[in-house]
């Protein structure tokens, strides 16, 4: 998420216009990627027999997901039928 942001700041003196777009779009692009792939990953893990509570606990500890009920957790793109 912060790679594009840091790259944009570092390259600002060389390419200010490109850096501006990297800085502005890095975080939203990473957030959309996360919002799509976290439910995919969760589905993948549950299909392989992971305990849902343990999966949530470990994912929160690793800062992969937000706590249940968090406003940020609601930005995940839900799978159809779930």
C-alpha atoms as a PDB file:
ATOM      1  CA  UNK A   1       0.000   0.000   0.000  1.00  0.00           C
ATOM      2  CA  UNK A   2       2.762   2.389   0.848  1.00  0.00           C
ATOM      3  CA  UNK A   3       5.190   1.298  -1.890  1.00  0.00           C
ATOM      4  CA  UNK A   4       3.582   3.544  -4.493  1.00  0.00           C
ATOM      5  CA  UNK A   5       3.383   6.378  -2.001  1.00  0.00           C
ATOM      6  CA  UNK A   6       7.058   6.110  -1.056  1.00  0.00           C
ATOM      7  CA  UNK A   7       8.073   5.682  -4.709  1.00  0.00           C
ATOM      8  CA  UNK A   8       6.110   8.789  -5.636  1.00  0.00           C
ATOM      9  CA  UNK A   9       7.741  10.871  -2.943  1.00  0.00           C
ATOM     10  CA  UNK A  10      11.221   9.564  -3.841  1.00  0.00           C
ATOM     11  CA  UNK A  11      10.788  10.277  -7.575  1.00  0.00           C
ATOM     12  CA  UNK A  12       9.188  13.696  -7.089  1.00  0.00           C
ATOM     13  CA  UNK A  13      12.281  15.678  -8.078  1.00  0.00           C
ATOM     14  CA  UNK A  14      12.781  13.689 -11.293  1.00  0.00           C
ATOM     15  CA  UNK A  15       9.214  13.254 -12.507  1.00  0.00           C
ATOM     16  CA  UNK A  16       6.834  15.515 -10.571  1.00  0.00           C
ATOM     17  CA  UNK A  17       3.712  14.721 -12.635  1.00  0.00           C
ATOM     18  CA  UNK A  18       4.203  10.954 -12.442  1.00  0.00           C
ATOM     19  CA  UNK A  19       5.039  11.228  -8.758  1.00  0.00           C
ATOM     20  CA  UNK A  20       1.872  13.187  -8.122  1.00  0.00           C
ATOM     21  CA  UNK A  21      -0.273  10.411  -9.626  1.00  0.00           C
ATOM     22  CA  UNK A  22       1.644   7.712  -7.744  1.00  0.00           C
ATOM     23  CA  UNK A  23       1.115   9.540  -4.478  1.00  0.00           C
ATOM     24  CA  UNK A  24      -2.581  10.232  -5.115  1.00  0.00           C
ATOM     25  CA  UNK A  25      -3.555   6.791  -6.456  1.00  0.00           C
ATOM     26  CA  UNK A  26      -1.301   4.414  -4.498  1.00  0.00           C
ATOM     27  CA  UNK A  27      -3.435   4.089  -1.385  1.00  0.00           C
ATOM     28  CA  UNK A  28      -6.858   3.914  -3.098  1.00  0.00           C
ATOM     29  CA  UNK A  29      -5.560   1.354  -5.617  1.00  0.00           C
ATOM     30  CA  UNK A  30      -4.088  -0.783  -2.843  1.00  0.00           C
ATOM     31  CA  UNK A  31      -7.306  -0.516  -0.836  1.00  0.00           C
ATOM     32  CA  UNK A  32      -9.412  -1.714  -3.779  1.00  0.00           C
ATOM     33  CA  UNK A  33      -6.985  -4.605  -4.303  1.00  0.00           C
ATOM     34  CA  UNK A  34      -7.233  -5.513  -0.614  1.00  0.00           C
ATOM     35  CA  UNK A  35     -11.043  -5.193  -0.626  1.00  0.00           C
ATOM     36  CA  UNK A  36     -11.282  -7.688  -3.469  1.00  0.00           C
ATOM     37  CA  UNK A  37      -8.629 -10.219  -2.461  1.00  0.00           C
ATOM     38  CA  UNK A  38      -9.209 -10.556   1.298  1.00  0.00           C
ATOM     39  CA  UNK A  39     -12.639 -12.217   0.829  1.00  0.00           C
ATOM     40  CA  UNK A  40     -11.096 -14.432  -1.877  1.00  0.00           C
ATOM     41  CA  UNK A  41      -8.334 -15.452   0.515  1.00  0.00           C
ATOM     42  CA  UNK A  42     -10.803 -16.042   3.354  1.00  0.00           C
ATOM     43  CA  UNK A  43     -12.955 -18.262   1.130  1.00  0.00           C
ATOM     44  CA  UNK A  44      -9.850 -20.167   0.005  1.00  0.00           C
ATOM     45  CA  UNK A  45      -8.737 -20.764   3.604  1.00  0.00           C
ATOM     46  CA  UNK A  46     -12.192 -21.835   4.786  1.00  0.00           C
ATOM     47  CA  UNK A  47     -12.560 -24.251   1.864  1.00  0.00           C
ATOM     48  CA  UNK A  48      -9.372 -25.936   3.078  1.00  0.00           C
ATOM     49  CA  UNK A  49     -10.741 -26.492   6.565  1.00  0.00           C
ATOM     50  CA  UNK A  50      -9.557 -23.456   8.521  1.00  0.00           C
ATOM     51  CA  UNK A  51     -11.494 -22.636  11.663  1.00  0.00           C
ATOM     52  CA  UNK A  52     -13.320 -19.316  10.971  1.00  0.00           C
ATOM     53  CA  UNK A  53     -12.679 -17.826  14.435  1.00  0.00           C
ATOM     54  CA  UNK A  54      -9.021 -18.852  14.464  1.00  0.00           C
ATOM     55  CA  UNK A  55      -8.579 -17.539  10.922  1.00  0.00           C
ATOM     56  CA  UNK A  56     -10.049 -14.160  11.895  1.00  0.00           C
ATOM     57  CA  UNK A  57      -7.938 -13.987  15.043  1.00  0.00           C
ATOM     58  CA  UNK A  58      -4.690 -14.798  13.250  1.00  0.00           C
ATOM     59  CA  UNK A  59      -5.474 -12.472  10.340  1.00  0.00           C
ATOM     60  CA  UNK A  60      -6.159  -9.600  12.756  1.00  0.00           C
ATOM     61  CA  UNK A  61      -2.916 -10.323  14.624  1.00  0.00           C
ATOM     62  CA  UNK A  62      -1.007 -10.216  11.314  1.00  0.00           C
ATOM     63  CA  UNK A  63      -2.796  -6.978  10.328  1.00  0.00           C
ATOM     64  CA  UNK A  64      -4.287  -8.598   7.239  1.00  0.00           C
ATOM     65  CA  UNK A  65      -7.893  -7.816   8.158  1.00  0.00           C
ATOM     66  CA  UNK A  66      -9.747  -5.324  10.310  1.00  0.00           C
ATOM     67  CA  UNK A  67     -11.635  -6.420  13.437  1.00  0.00           C
ATOM     68  CA  UNK A  68     -15.161  -7.729  12.914  1.00  0.00           C
ATOM     69  CA  UNK A  69     -17.682  -4.902  12.882  1.00  0.00           C
ATOM     70  CA  UNK A  70     -15.092  -2.252  12.047  1.00  0.00           C
ATOM     71  CA  UNK A  71     -16.152   0.356   9.509  1.00  0.00           C
ATOM     72  CA  UNK A  72     -13.067  -0.552   7.475  1.00  0.00           C
ATOM     73  CA  UNK A  73     -14.036  -4.241   7.492  1.00  0.00           C
ATOM     74  CA  UNK A  74     -17.203  -3.235   5.661  1.00  0.00           C
ATOM     75  CA  UNK A  75     -15.128  -2.133   2.651  1.00  0.00           C
ATOM     76  CA  UNK A  76     -14.466  -5.768   1.710  1.00  0.00           C
ATOM     77  CA  UNK A  77     -16.183  -6.811  -1.511  1.00  0.00           C
ATOM     78  CA  UNK A  78     -18.502  -9.585  -0.377  1.00  0.00           C
ATOM     79  CA  UNK A  79     -18.862 -12.711  -2.435  1.00  0.00           C
ATOM     80  CA  UNK A  80     -22.301 -13.362  -3.901  1.00  0.00           C
ATOM     81  CA  UNK A  81     -24.529 -15.504  -1.754  1.00  0.00           C
ATOM     82  CA  UNK A  82     -22.685 -14.634   1.469  1.00  0.00           C
END
